[in-house]
Amino acid sequence: MSKKSQHGFKLDWKRPAPAEWITVLPRRRRKKKVNSEDKEVPLIVELVDLCLSLNTVEHHTSDFYAVHGENPRLAIRRGSPFKISVDLNRSFDASKDILCLVFTLKDARSPSYSQNTEVLVPVVLDDDKEKVPAPWQVRVLETQTKTLTLEVTPSPNCIVGE
């Protein structure tokens, strides 16, 4: 079964292609195997503790229905700082790691920064941080081996919601 190609060559599918049509590609170099000890382990958040009992007392919200029951939720006041504790899979290294807190309004159809229904707050150590006024602030209060205790100050005019 032979056919003419668009370039006018006669092609025969049963015979091998002529040598001038074959291009030999160089072999790919194999990557060196990396020891698992040499690899850097990515920073993973394992647990976030919202410190409900502490924050509800400091924000005078301990009588709110939302903070009690089977599924208690954090109730805070706008513009007032609250504390959270973040457990990580390894210690936080500010020179290599980037950690951001993302706050999203629960009932927003498509949360976005422009509609103030989603807020991204970077976590930086105080000595790395230039004092730049921002609506939301995060301050590292304490660093333990694999735990960061953070103080988050929401914007005084942020949206109220879950």
N, C-alpha and C. Protein backbone atom coordinates (compact mmCIF):
# COMPACT_ATOMS: atom_id res chain seq x y z
N MET A 1 0.84 -1.17 0.00
CA MET A 1 0.00 0.00 0.00
C MET A 1 0.90 1.24 0.00
N SER A 2 0.94 1.92 -1.10
CA SER A 2 1.78 3.11 -1.17
C SER A 2 0.92 4.31 -1.52
N LYS A 3 1.42 5.45 -1.08
CA LYS A 3 0.72 6.71 -1.26
C LYS A 3 1.74 7.77 -1.58
N LYS A 4 1.29 8.83 -2.23
CA LYS A 4 2.20 9.95 -2.46
C LYS A 4 1.99 10.95 -1.33
N SER A 5 3.11 11.41 -0.77
CA SER A 5 3.01 12.40 0.30
C SER A 5 2.75 13.77 -0.31
N GLN A 6 2.51 14.73 0.53
CA GLN A 6 2.26 16.09 0.05
C GLN A 6 3.49 16.69 -0.61
N HIS A 7 4.68 16.12 -0.35
CA HIS A 7 5.91 16.61 -0.96
C HIS A 7 6.27 15.83 -2.23
N GLY A 8 5.43 14.91 -2.63
CA GLY A 8 5.66 14.17 -3.86
C GLY A 8 6.46 12.90 -3.70
N PHE A 9 6.84 12.54 -2.47
CA PHE A 9 7.57 11.29 -2.26
C PHE A 9 6.60 10.13 -2.24
N LYS A 10 7.06 9.02 -2.73
CA LYS A 10 6.24 7.82 -2.69
C LYS A 10 6.46 7.14 -1.34
N LEU A 11 5.38 6.97 -0.58
CA LEU A 11 5.47 6.37 0.74
C LEU A 11 4.97 4.93 0.69
N ASP A 12 5.69 4.06 1.31
CA ASP A 12 5.27 2.66 1.40
C ASP A 12 5.28 2.31 2.89
N TRP A 13 4.11 2.09 3.44
CA TRP A 13 3.97 1.87 4.88
C TRP A 13 4.53 0.52 5.32
N LYS A 14 4.77 -0.39 4.39
CA LYS A 14 5.28 -1.71 4.75
C LYS A 14 6.80 -1.74 4.84
N ARG A 15 7.47 -0.82 4.18
CA ARG A 15 8.92 -0.78 4.20
C ARG A 15 9.40 0.27 5.19
N PRO A 16 10.59 0.07 5.78
CA PRO A 16 11.12 1.08 6.69
C PRO A 16 11.43 2.38 5.96
N ALA A 17 11.41 3.46 6.68
CA ALA A 17 11.68 4.78 6.11
C ALA A 17 13.15 4.88 5.72
N PRO A 18 13.47 5.65 4.68
CA PRO A 18 14.86 5.84 4.30
C PRO A 18 15.65 6.50 5.43
N ALA A 19 16.93 6.22 5.49
CA ALA A 19 17.79 6.70 6.57
C ALA A 19 17.83 8.22 6.65
N GLU A 20 17.71 8.91 5.52
CA GLU A 20 17.77 10.38 5.56
C GLU A 20 16.53 11.00 6.23
N TRP A 21 15.49 10.23 6.39
CA TRP A 21 14.28 10.74 7.04
C TRP A 21 14.35 10.57 8.56
N ILE A 22 15.29 9.85 9.05
CA ILE A 22 15.35 9.52 10.47
C ILE A 22 16.33 10.48 11.15
N THR A 23 15.88 11.05 12.23
CA THR A 23 16.72 11.93 13.03
C THR A 23 16.99 11.22 14.36
N VAL A 24 18.22 11.10 14.71
CA VAL A 24 18.58 10.48 15.98
C VAL A 24 18.71 11.58 17.02
N LEU A 25 17.93 11.44 18.06
CA LEU A 25 17.95 12.43 19.14
C LEU A 25 18.97 12.00 20.19
N PRO A 26 19.63 12.95 20.82
CA PRO A 26 20.58 12.59 21.87
C PRO A 26 19.84 12.01 23.08
N ARG A 27 20.51 11.14 23.81
CA ARG A 27 19.90 10.54 24.99
C ARG A 27 19.72 11.61 26.06
N ARG A 28 18.63 11.47 26.79
CA ARG A 28 18.41 12.38 27.90
C ARG A 28 19.31 11.98 29.06
N ARG A 29 19.84 12.97 29.69
CA ARG A 29 20.68 12.69 30.86
C ARG A 29 19.78 12.36 32.03
N ARG A 30 20.16 11.36 32.75
CA ARG A 30 19.41 11.01 33.95
C ARG A 30 19.76 11.98 35.07
N LYS A 31 18.73 12.32 35.82
CA LYS A 31 18.97 13.20 36.96
C LYS A 31 19.62 12.40 38.07
N LYS A 32 20.48 13.08 38.79
CA LYS A 32 21.11 12.42 39.92
C LYS A 32 20.06 12.11 40.97
N LYS A 33 20.21 10.98 41.59
CA LYS A 33 19.30 10.64 42.68
C LYS A 33 19.66 11.51 43.88
N VAL A 34 18.61 12.02 44.50
CA VAL A 34 18.80 12.90 45.65
C VAL A 34 18.46 12.12 46.90
N ASN A 35 19.34 12.17 47.87
CA ASN A 35 19.05 11.52 49.14
C ASN A 35 17.90 12.24 49.82
N SER A 36 17.07 11.49 50.51
CA SER A 36 15.93 12.11 51.19
C SER A 36 16.40 13.08 52.27
N GLU A 37 17.62 12.88 52.78
CA GLU A 37 18.15 13.80 53.79
C GLU A 37 18.50 15.15 53.17
N ASP A 38 18.87 15.14 51.88
CA ASP A 38 19.25 16.38 51.21
C ASP A 38 18.04 17.21 50.79
N LYS A 39 16.90 16.56 50.62
CA LYS A 39 15.70 17.26 50.18
C LYS A 39 15.18 18.15 51.30
N GLU A 40 14.65 19.29 50.91
CA GLU A 40 14.01 20.15 51.88
C GLU A 40 12.55 19.74 51.98
N VAL A 41 12.10 19.56 53.18
CA VAL A 41 10.72 19.16 53.42
C VAL A 41 9.85 20.41 53.37
N PRO A 42 8.77 20.40 52.58
CA PRO A 42 7.91 21.59 52.51
C PRO A 42 7.21 21.84 53.85
N LEU A 43 6.95 23.08 54.13
CA LEU A 43 6.26 23.46 55.36
C LEU A 43 4.78 23.16 55.20
N ILE A 44 4.23 22.39 56.12
CA ILE A 44 2.82 21.99 56.06
C ILE A 44 2.15 22.35 57.38
N VAL A 45 0.99 22.99 57.29
CA VAL A 45 0.20 23.30 58.48
C VAL A 45 -0.55 22.04 58.86
N GLU A 46 -0.33 21.56 60.08
CA GLU A 46 -0.98 20.34 60.54
C GLU A 46 -2.23 20.63 61.36
N LEU A 47 -2.24 21.74 62.12
CA LEU A 47 -3.38 22.04 62.98
C LEU A 47 -3.40 23.54 63.26
N VAL A 48 -4.60 24.10 63.27
CA VAL A 48 -4.78 25.50 63.66
C VAL A 48 -5.72 25.52 64.86
N ASP A 49 -5.23 26.05 65.97
CA ASP A 49 -6.03 26.18 67.19
C ASP A 49 -6.47 27.63 67.28
N LEU A 50 -7.77 27.86 67.28
CA LEU A 50 -8.31 29.22 67.32
C LEU A 50 -8.37 29.79 68.73
N CYS A 51 -7.89 29.05 69.72
CA CYS A 51 -7.84 29.49 71.12
C CYS A 51 -9.20 30.07 71.53
N LEU A 52 -10.25 29.28 71.33
CA LEU A 52 -11.62 29.75 71.56
C LEU A 52 -11.84 30.30 72.96
N SER A 53 -11.43 29.56 73.98
CA SER A 53 -11.72 30.01 75.35
C SER A 53 -11.02 31.34 75.66
N LEU A 54 -9.78 31.48 75.25
CA LEU A 54 -9.03 32.71 75.48
C LEU A 54 -9.62 33.88 74.69
N ASN A 55 -9.89 33.68 73.40
CA ASN A 55 -10.39 34.76 72.55
C ASN A 55 -11.80 35.20 72.90
N THR A 56 -12.66 34.26 73.30
CA THR A 56 -14.03 34.66 73.65
C THR A 56 -14.06 35.51 74.91
N VAL A 57 -13.16 35.24 75.86
CA VAL A 57 -13.08 36.06 77.07
C VAL A 57 -12.54 37.45 76.73
N GLU A 58 -11.44 37.50 75.95
CA GLU A 58 -10.83 38.78 75.61
C GLU A 58 -11.74 39.65 74.73
N HIS A 59 -12.61 39.04 73.95
CA HIS A 59 -13.50 39.79 73.05
C HIS A 59 -14.91 39.94 73.61
N HIS A 60 -15.11 39.49 74.84
CA HIS A 60 -16.41 39.58 75.52
C HIS A 60 -17.52 38.94 74.69
N THR A 61 -17.21 37.76 74.11
CA THR A 61 -18.19 37.05 73.29
C THR A 61 -18.51 35.67 73.87
N SER A 62 -18.15 35.43 75.13
CA SER A 62 -18.35 34.11 75.72
C SER A 62 -19.82 33.77 75.93
N ASP A 63 -20.71 34.76 75.90
CA ASP A 63 -22.15 34.48 76.04
C ASP A 63 -22.83 34.26 74.69
N PHE A 64 -22.11 34.38 73.59
CA PHE A 64 -22.69 34.19 72.27
C PHE A 64 -23.00 32.71 72.05
N TYR A 65 -24.10 32.44 71.40
CA TYR A 65 -24.51 31.07 71.10
C TYR A 65 -23.49 30.36 70.21
N ALA A 66 -22.89 31.06 69.29
CA ALA A 66 -21.98 30.46 68.29
C ALA A 66 -20.74 29.83 68.92
N VAL A 67 -20.32 30.30 70.09
CA VAL A 67 -19.08 29.78 70.68
C VAL A 67 -19.31 28.56 71.56
N HIS A 68 -20.54 28.09 71.66
CA HIS A 68 -20.87 26.92 72.48
C HIS A 68 -21.48 25.83 71.61
N GLY A 69 -21.67 24.66 72.18
CA GLY A 69 -22.34 23.56 71.47
C GLY A 69 -21.36 22.59 70.84
N GLU A 70 -21.90 21.76 69.94
CA GLU A 70 -21.11 20.70 69.30
C GLU A 70 -20.04 21.26 68.36
N ASN A 71 -20.39 22.32 67.64
CA ASN A 71 -19.47 22.89 66.66
C ASN A 71 -19.21 24.36 66.99
N PRO A 72 -18.43 24.63 68.05
CA PRO A 72 -18.21 26.03 68.44
C PRO A 72 -17.39 26.77 67.39
N ARG A 73 -17.73 28.05 67.20
CA ARG A 73 -17.03 28.89 66.23
C ARG A 73 -16.45 30.10 66.95
N LEU A 74 -15.44 30.65 66.36
CA LEU A 74 -14.78 31.82 66.93
C LEU A 74 -15.62 33.06 66.67
N ALA A 75 -15.88 33.83 67.72
CA ALA A 75 -16.59 35.11 67.58
C ALA A 75 -15.67 36.19 68.16
N ILE A 76 -15.30 37.13 67.31
CA ILE A 76 -14.36 38.18 67.73
C ILE A 76 -14.92 39.54 67.33
N ARG A 77 -14.25 40.56 67.78
CA ARG A 77 -14.66 41.93 67.44
C ARG A 77 -13.68 42.51 66.42
N ARG A 78 -14.23 43.25 65.47
CA ARG A 78 -13.39 43.87 64.43
C ARG A 78 -12.40 44.85 65.05
N GLY A 79 -11.20 44.85 64.51
CA GLY A 79 -10.18 45.79 64.97
C GLY A 79 -9.46 45.37 66.24
N SER A 80 -9.93 44.31 66.90
CA SER A 80 -9.28 43.84 68.13
C SER A 80 -8.48 42.58 67.85
N PRO A 81 -7.26 42.50 68.36
CA PRO A 81 -6.42 41.34 68.07
C PRO A 81 -6.94 40.06 68.73
N PHE A 82 -6.72 38.94 68.05
CA PHE A 82 -7.04 37.62 68.62
C PHE A 82 -5.85 36.71 68.38
N LYS A 83 -5.78 35.66 69.17
CA LYS A 83 -4.63 34.76 69.10
C LYS A 83 -5.00 33.44 68.44
N ILE A 84 -4.07 32.89 67.67
CA ILE A 84 -4.21 31.54 67.12
C ILE A 84 -2.87 30.84 67.27
N SER A 85 -2.95 29.53 67.32
CA SER A 85 -1.74 28.71 67.42
C SER A 85 -1.70 27.80 66.19
N VAL A 86 -0.58 27.78 65.50
CA VAL A 86 -0.44 27.01 64.26
C VAL A 86 0.63 25.94 64.47
N ASP A 87 0.22 24.66 64.37
CA ASP A 87 1.17 23.55 64.47
C ASP A 87 1.64 23.18 63.07
N LEU A 88 2.95 23.06 62.91
CA LEU A 88 3.56 22.77 61.61
C LEU A 88 4.26 21.41 61.65
N ASN A 89 4.58 20.89 60.48
CA ASN A 89 5.28 19.60 60.41
C ASN A 89 6.77 19.72 60.75
N ARG A 90 7.29 20.94 60.73
CA ARG A 90 8.69 21.20 61.10
C ARG A 90 8.78 22.64 61.57
N SER A 91 9.94 23.02 62.03
CA SER A 91 10.09 24.39 62.54
C SER A 91 10.04 25.40 61.40
N PHE A 92 9.53 26.57 61.70
CA PHE A 92 9.39 27.66 60.74
C PHE A 92 10.72 28.39 60.60
N ASP A 93 11.19 28.53 59.36
CA ASP A 93 12.43 29.25 59.07
C ASP A 93 12.08 30.45 58.20
N ALA A 94 12.12 31.63 58.80
CA ALA A 94 11.70 32.85 58.09
C ALA A 94 12.55 33.14 56.86
N SER A 95 13.78 32.63 56.81
CA SER A 95 14.63 32.89 55.65
C SER A 95 14.24 32.03 54.45
N LYS A 96 13.54 30.91 54.68
CA LYS A 96 13.17 30.01 53.58
C LYS A 96 11.66 29.85 53.40
N ASP A 97 10.90 29.99 54.47
CA ASP A 97 9.47 29.67 54.43
C ASP A 97 8.61 30.91 54.25
N ILE A 98 7.49 30.69 53.58
CA ILE A 98 6.47 31.73 53.43
C ILE A 98 5.18 31.16 53.99
N LEU A 99 4.58 31.89 54.91
CA LEU A 99 3.33 31.45 55.52
C LEU A 99 2.34 32.60 55.44
N CYS A 100 1.17 32.33 54.90
CA CYS A 100 0.13 33.34 54.79
C CYS A 100 -1.16 32.80 55.39
N LEU A 101 -1.90 33.66 56.03
CA LEU A 101 -3.22 33.31 56.53
C LEU A 101 -4.23 33.80 55.50
N VAL A 102 -5.19 32.96 55.17
CA VAL A 102 -6.23 33.33 54.21
C VAL A 102 -7.56 33.29 54.94
N PHE A 103 -8.24 34.42 54.98
CA PHE A 103 -9.56 34.52 55.60
C PHE A 103 -10.57 34.72 54.48
N THR A 104 -11.58 33.84 54.45
CA THR A 104 -12.59 33.88 53.39
C THR A 104 -13.97 33.94 54.01
N LEU A 105 -14.82 34.81 53.50
CA LEU A 105 -16.20 34.90 53.96
C LEU A 105 -16.94 33.65 53.52
N LYS A 106 -17.58 32.97 54.46
CA LYS A 106 -18.17 31.66 54.20
C LYS A 106 -19.21 31.66 53.09
N ASP A 107 -20.13 32.59 53.09
CA ASP A 107 -21.25 32.56 52.15
C ASP A 107 -20.99 33.32 50.85
N ALA A 108 -19.79 33.77 50.62
CA ALA A 108 -19.48 34.48 49.38
C ALA A 108 -19.47 33.50 48.21
N ARG A 109 -20.17 33.84 47.14
CA ARG A 109 -20.23 32.94 45.97
C ARG A 109 -18.86 32.76 45.34
N SER A 110 -18.18 33.84 45.09
CA SER A 110 -16.82 33.77 44.57
C SER A 110 -15.99 34.79 45.35
N PRO A 111 -15.38 34.35 46.45
CA PRO A 111 -14.62 35.27 47.29
C PRO A 111 -13.51 35.96 46.52
N SER A 112 -13.34 37.24 46.79
CA SER A 112 -12.29 37.99 46.10
C SER A 112 -11.76 39.10 47.00
N TYR A 113 -10.52 39.45 46.75
CA TYR A 113 -9.87 40.52 47.50
C TYR A 113 -10.57 41.85 47.25
N SER A 114 -10.97 42.09 46.00
CA SER A 114 -11.57 43.38 45.64
C SER A 114 -12.91 43.62 46.32
N GLN A 115 -13.62 42.55 46.67
CA GLN A 115 -14.91 42.70 47.35
C GLN A 115 -14.79 42.54 48.86
N ASN A 116 -13.56 42.45 49.35
CA ASN A 116 -13.28 42.26 50.78
C ASN A 116 -13.91 40.99 51.35
N THR A 117 -14.12 39.99 50.51
CA THR A 117 -14.65 38.71 50.98
C THR A 117 -13.54 37.67 51.12
N GLU A 118 -12.32 38.06 50.76
CA GLU A 118 -11.15 37.21 50.96
C GLU A 118 -9.96 38.10 51.30
N VAL A 119 -9.23 37.71 52.33
CA VAL A 119 -8.08 38.50 52.77
C VAL A 119 -6.88 37.57 52.91
N LEU A 120 -5.75 37.99 52.38
CA LEU A 120 -4.50 37.25 52.48
C LEU A 120 -3.55 38.06 53.35
N VAL A 121 -3.11 37.44 54.46
CA VAL A 121 -2.26 38.15 55.41
C VAL A 121 -0.95 37.39 55.57
N PRO A 122 0.18 37.95 55.13
CA PRO A 122 1.46 37.25 55.27
C PRO A 122 1.94 37.26 56.72
N VAL A 123 2.55 36.16 57.12
CA VAL A 123 3.14 36.04 58.46
C VAL A 123 4.63 36.32 58.32
N VAL A 124 5.07 37.39 58.97
CA VAL A 124 6.50 37.72 58.96
C VAL A 124 6.94 37.97 60.40
N LEU A 125 8.19 37.67 60.68
CA LEU A 125 8.72 37.92 62.01
C LEU A 125 8.89 39.42 62.19
N ASP A 126 8.74 39.90 63.41
CA ASP A 126 8.81 41.34 63.68
C ASP A 126 10.11 41.97 63.23
N ASP A 127 11.24 41.26 63.36
CA ASP A 127 12.51 41.85 62.96
C ASP A 127 12.66 41.94 61.44
N ASP A 128 11.85 41.15 60.68
CA ASP A 128 11.90 41.21 59.22
C ASP A 128 10.92 42.24 58.65
N LYS A 129 10.06 42.73 59.49
CA LYS A 129 8.92 43.50 59.02
C LYS A 129 9.18 45.00 59.13
N GLU A 130 9.02 45.67 58.04
CA GLU A 130 9.01 47.12 58.09
C GLU A 130 7.60 47.52 58.50
N LYS A 131 7.49 48.50 59.33
CA LYS A 131 6.18 48.91 59.82
C LYS A 131 5.40 49.60 58.71
N VAL A 132 4.63 48.81 57.98
CA VAL A 132 3.81 49.31 56.89
C VAL A 132 2.36 49.18 57.33
N PRO A 133 1.61 50.28 57.34
CA PRO A 133 0.22 50.16 57.76
C PRO A 133 -0.57 49.31 56.77
N ALA A 134 -1.29 48.35 57.30
CA ALA A 134 -2.12 47.47 56.48
C ALA A 134 -3.41 47.23 57.24
N PRO A 135 -4.51 46.97 56.52
CA PRO A 135 -5.79 46.76 57.21
C PRO A 135 -5.75 45.58 58.18
N TRP A 136 -5.11 44.49 57.79
CA TRP A 136 -4.97 43.31 58.65
C TRP A 136 -3.51 43.17 59.03
N GLN A 137 -3.25 42.79 60.26
CA GLN A 137 -1.88 42.61 60.74
C GLN A 137 -1.73 41.24 61.39
N VAL A 138 -0.55 40.64 61.27
CA VAL A 138 -0.22 39.40 61.98
C VAL A 138 1.12 39.62 62.67
N ARG A 139 1.16 39.25 63.93
CA ARG A 139 2.40 39.38 64.70
C ARG A 139 2.72 38.02 65.31
N VAL A 140 3.96 37.59 65.21
CA VAL A 140 4.39 36.33 65.82
C VAL A 140 4.68 36.62 67.29
N LEU A 141 3.89 35.98 68.17
CA LEU A 141 4.09 36.18 69.60
C LEU A 141 5.13 35.23 70.16
N GLU A 142 5.09 33.98 69.68
CA GLU A 142 5.97 32.96 70.23
C GLU A 142 6.27 31.90 69.18
N THR A 143 7.50 31.45 69.15
CA THR A 143 7.87 30.34 68.28
C THR A 143 8.43 29.23 69.15
N GLN A 144 7.78 28.08 69.07
CA GLN A 144 8.30 26.88 69.72
C GLN A 144 8.84 26.00 68.62
N THR A 145 9.22 24.78 68.93
CA THR A 145 9.85 23.92 67.94
C THR A 145 9.04 23.84 66.65
N LYS A 146 7.79 23.41 66.74
CA LYS A 146 6.96 23.27 65.54
C LYS A 146 5.65 24.05 65.66
N THR A 147 5.59 25.00 66.56
CA THR A 147 4.35 25.74 66.80
C THR A 147 4.60 27.24 66.77
N LEU A 148 3.74 27.94 66.07
CA LEU A 148 3.77 29.41 66.05
C LEU A 148 2.52 29.92 66.76
N THR A 149 2.69 30.85 67.67
CA THR A 149 1.55 31.52 68.28
C THR A 149 1.48 32.90 67.64
N LEU A 150 0.34 33.18 67.02
CA LEU A 150 0.19 34.42 66.25
C LEU A 150 -0.88 35.30 66.86
N GLU A 151 -0.70 36.60 66.70
CA GLU A 151 -1.72 37.57 67.08
C GLU A 151 -2.19 38.23 65.79
N VAL A 152 -3.46 38.04 65.47
CA VAL A 152 -4.04 38.57 64.24
C VAL A 152 -4.94 39.74 64.60
N THR A 153 -4.74 40.86 63.93
CA THR A 153 -5.61 42.02 64.13
C THR A 153 -6.37 42.27 62.84
N PRO A 154 -7.69 41.99 62.86
CA PRO A 154 -8.48 42.24 61.64
C PRO A 154 -8.72 43.73 61.45
N SER A 155 -9.07 44.07 60.25
CA SER A 155 -9.37 45.46 59.92
C SER A 155 -10.59 45.92 60.73
N PRO A 156 -10.58 47.15 61.22
CA PRO A 156 -11.75 47.64 61.97
C PRO A 156 -13.00 47.77 61.11
N ASN A 157 -12.84 47.79 59.79
CA ASN A 157 -14.02 47.90 58.93
C ASN A 157 -14.18 46.68 58.02
N CYS A 158 -13.71 45.51 58.48
CA CYS A 158 -13.88 44.30 57.68
C CYS A 158 -15.34 43.84 57.71
N ILE A 159 -15.71 43.02 56.76
CA ILE A 159 -17.08 42.52 56.65
C ILE A 159 -17.38 41.60 57.83
N VAL A 160 -18.60 41.71 58.35
CA VAL A 160 -19.05 40.83 59.43
C VAL A 160 -19.65 39.58 58.80
N GLY A 161 -19.24 38.43 59.26
CA GLY A 161 -19.78 37.17 58.73
C GLY A 161 -18.98 36.00 59.22
N GLU A 162 -19.33 34.83 58.71
CA GLU A 162 -18.61 33.60 59.07
C GLU A 162 -17.48 33.37 58.11
